[in-house]
Protein backbone atom coordinates (compact mmCIF):
# COMPACT_ATOMS: atom_id res chain seq x y z
CA MET A 1 -65.83 -15.15 46.91
CA PHE A 2 -62.60 -15.88 44.52
CA GLU A 3 -60.67 -18.95 45.40
CA VAL A 4 -57.91 -21.43 43.72
CA ARG A 5 -57.68 -25.03 45.18
CA ILE A 6 -55.13 -27.72 43.94
CA GLN A 7 -55.98 -31.00 45.53
CA THR A 8 -56.22 -34.80 45.68
CA GLU A 9 -59.24 -35.29 46.81
CA ALA A 10 -62.58 -35.43 44.47
CA PHE A 11 -64.56 -32.03 44.62
CA ASP A 12 -68.59 -31.73 44.42
CA ALA A 13 -69.56 -29.78 41.63
CA GLY A 14 -72.79 -29.32 43.13
CA ALA A 15 -71.79 -28.13 46.42
CA GLU A 16 -69.13 -25.98 45.47
CA SER A 17 -71.62 -23.81 43.21
CA ARG A 18 -73.81 -23.74 45.82
CA ARG A 19 -71.01 -22.55 48.55
CA LEU A 20 -70.12 -19.88 45.67
CA ARG A 21 -74.05 -18.72 45.55
CA ALA A 22 -74.63 -18.78 49.04
CA GLY A 23 -76.31 -15.76 50.57
CA ARG A 24 -75.95 -14.26 47.18
CA ILE A 25 -79.13 -12.86 45.21
CA ASP A 26 -77.23 -10.31 43.04
CA ILE A 27 -76.00 -13.35 40.90
CA GLY A 28 -77.61 -13.41 37.64
CA ALA A 29 -75.63 -16.36 36.03
CA LEU A 30 -73.62 -19.51 37.14
CA VAL A 31 -71.71 -21.15 35.05
CA VAL A 32 -69.90 -24.48 35.53
CA PHE A 33 -67.37 -26.55 33.82
CA GLU A 34 -66.29 -30.01 35.32
CA GLY A 35 -63.41 -31.81 33.72
CA ILE A 36 -63.47 -35.39 33.79
CA CYS A 37 -61.15 -38.19 33.23
CA ARG A 38 -61.75 -39.98 29.82
CA ASP A 39 -60.40 -43.74 29.03
CA HIS A 40 -59.11 -42.45 25.61
CA ALA A 41 -57.84 -39.27 24.30
CA PRO A 42 -56.78 -37.70 20.50
CA GLY A 43 -55.02 -41.11 18.66
CA VAL A 44 -54.95 -43.03 22.12
CA GLU A 45 -57.26 -45.90 23.28
CA GLY A 46 -57.54 -47.46 26.35
CA VAL A 47 -56.55 -44.83 28.99
CA GLN A 48 -56.00 -46.43 32.17
CA SER A 49 -54.91 -43.83 34.39
CA LEU A 50 -53.86 -40.19 34.42
CA GLU A 51 -51.30 -39.06 36.92
CA LEU A 52 -50.94 -35.16 36.99
CA GLU A 53 -47.97 -33.46 38.62
CA HIS A 54 -47.12 -30.17 39.75
CA TYR A 55 -45.27 -27.35 41.81
CA PRO A 56 -47.89 -26.69 44.26
CA GLU A 57 -47.14 -22.95 45.11
CA MET A 58 -46.36 -22.16 41.65
CA THR A 59 -49.25 -23.85 40.07
CA ARG A 60 -51.58 -22.13 42.49
CA ALA A 61 -49.98 -18.56 41.91
CA SER A 62 -50.20 -19.12 38.03
CA ILE A 63 -54.13 -19.86 38.33
CA GLU A 64 -54.79 -16.85 40.62
CA ARG A 65 -53.07 -14.74 38.31
CA MET A 66 -55.50 -15.78 35.57
CA VAL A 67 -58.24 -15.45 37.59
CA GLY A 68 -57.05 -12.13 38.30
CA GLN A 69 -57.20 -11.37 34.47
CA ALA A 70 -60.52 -12.56 34.16
CA ARG A 71 -61.87 -9.93 36.75
CA VAL A 72 -60.47 -7.68 34.79
CA ARG A 73 -61.86 -8.80 31.59
CA TRP A 74 -65.30 -9.31 32.87
CA PRO A 75 -67.60 -8.00 35.83
CA LEU A 76 -67.25 -11.29 37.88
CA GLN A 77 -68.61 -11.71 41.19
CA GLY A 78 -67.10 -14.66 42.37
CA ALA A 79 -64.95 -17.90 40.95
CA VAL A 80 -64.07 -21.26 42.25
CA VAL A 81 -61.18 -23.04 40.29
CA VAL A 82 -60.58 -26.38 41.81
CA HIS A 83 -57.65 -28.73 40.20
CA ARG A 84 -56.93 -31.87 40.94
CA VAL A 85 -53.36 -33.76 41.17
CA GLY A 86 -51.86 -36.92 41.49
CA LEU A 87 -53.14 -39.99 40.21
CA LEU A 88 -56.86 -40.27 38.60
CA HIS A 89 -58.92 -43.10 36.56
CA PRO A 90 -61.73 -42.85 34.37
CA GLY A 91 -64.45 -41.20 35.01
CA ASP A 92 -62.80 -39.37 38.09
CA PRO A 93 -63.58 -35.51 38.05
CA ILE A 94 -59.99 -33.40 37.46
CA VAL A 95 -61.06 -29.65 37.23
CA LEU A 96 -63.99 -27.43 37.97
CA VAL A 97 -64.56 -23.94 37.34
CA VAL A 98 -67.33 -22.16 38.64
CA VAL A 99 -67.83 -18.27 37.59
CA ALA A 100 -70.16 -15.98 38.89
CA SER A 101 -71.49 -12.87 37.18
CA SER A 102 -74.45 -10.79 36.71
CA HIS A 103 -74.80 -11.84 33.19
CA ARG A 104 -74.59 -14.92 31.13
CA HIS A 105 -72.31 -13.64 28.44
CA ASP A 106 -69.62 -12.52 31.26
CA ALA A 107 -69.78 -15.78 32.86
CA PHE A 108 -69.39 -18.31 29.99
CA GLU A 109 -67.02 -15.98 28.49
CA ALA A 110 -64.92 -16.17 31.43
CA CYS A 111 -65.16 -19.62 32.18
CA ALA A 112 -64.26 -20.53 28.77
CA PHE A 113 -61.13 -18.14 29.06
CA LEU A 114 -60.15 -20.04 32.55
CA MET A 115 -60.49 -23.47 30.72
CA ASP A 116 -58.14 -22.25 27.77
CA TYR A 117 -55.87 -20.59 30.48
CA LEU A 118 -55.59 -24.08 32.25
CA LYS A 119 -55.26 -26.55 29.38
CA THR A 120 -52.34 -24.81 28.02
CA GLN A 121 -50.53 -22.52 30.69
CA ALA A 122 -51.30 -23.82 34.07
CA PRO A 123 -47.97 -25.49 35.09
CA LEU A 124 -49.29 -29.17 35.54
CA TRP A 125 -47.42 -32.04 33.82
CA LYS A 126 -49.97 -34.95 32.65
CA LYS A 127 -49.15 -38.66 32.33
CA GLU A 128 -51.50 -41.19 30.48
CA ALA A 129 -50.92 -45.02 31.13
CA THR A 130 -52.21 -47.35 28.29
CA PRO A 131 -52.16 -50.65 27.51
CA GLN A 132 -48.69 -49.68 25.65
CA GLY A 133 -47.14 -48.00 28.24
CA ALA A 134 -47.16 -44.33 30.37
CA GLN A 135 -46.10 -41.61 28.20
CA TRP A 136 -46.53 -37.30 28.81
CA VAL A 137 -49.52 -35.61 26.96
CA ASP A 138 -47.83 -33.08 24.78
CA ALA A 139 -49.86 -29.98 24.41
CA ARG A 140 -52.18 -30.12 21.46
CA GLU A 141 -52.45 -27.29 18.76
CA ALA A 142 -56.11 -26.92 19.07
CA ASP A 143 -55.66 -26.03 23.02
CA ASP A 144 -53.01 -23.23 21.87
CA GLU A 145 -55.49 -21.93 19.43
CA ALA A 146 -58.09 -21.52 21.57
CA LEU A 147 -55.88 -19.72 23.96
CA ALA A 148 -55.19 -17.08 20.92
CA ARG A 149 -58.45 -16.22 20.72
CA TRP A 150 -57.86 -14.16 24.14
CA GLY A 151 -54.97 -12.52 22.53
CA ILE A 152 -52.27 -14.87 25.03
CA GLU A 153 -49.50 -16.50 23.07
CA SER A 154 -48.89 -20.19 24.65
CA GLY A 155 -45.25 -20.56 24.16
CA ASN A 156 -45.86 -23.99 24.38
CA SER A 157 -43.22 -26.36 22.18
CA GLY A 158 -42.86 -29.88 23.78
CA THR A 159 -44.47 -32.12 26.89
CA ARG A 160 -46.68 -30.50 29.39
């Protein structure tokens, strides 16, 4: 199973992992990454909320293409990517990446690859609300550098 979902509702990482593995005895490794909204960001304290905006079809298609690239790079047996949009608060789950493969190395690498892509290339725009007001989140150099290890140039030059 390979699936990408963009949604406003919270997800259950355990349930998504169990669903991916259901009836499968060929899977040797399952790597799960769950990103959670926090109350701070680099240089920003007191994040009260995070609002994520997107273009539904563009966002989904972009992430599906990257899952396809992960499938070319590693022998994957399944992947589920769930990304939330809308208004989120500290402690809320934001993103889930579950990757299944026969071997742990492939699962870890593919999961890292997908997260590096999501942080820099997925057409999602983030706005943080703080006591000082709301501000759009700029692309971070460290995220661009992480993506570069996969041979992908980010092209980020402004706000995301």
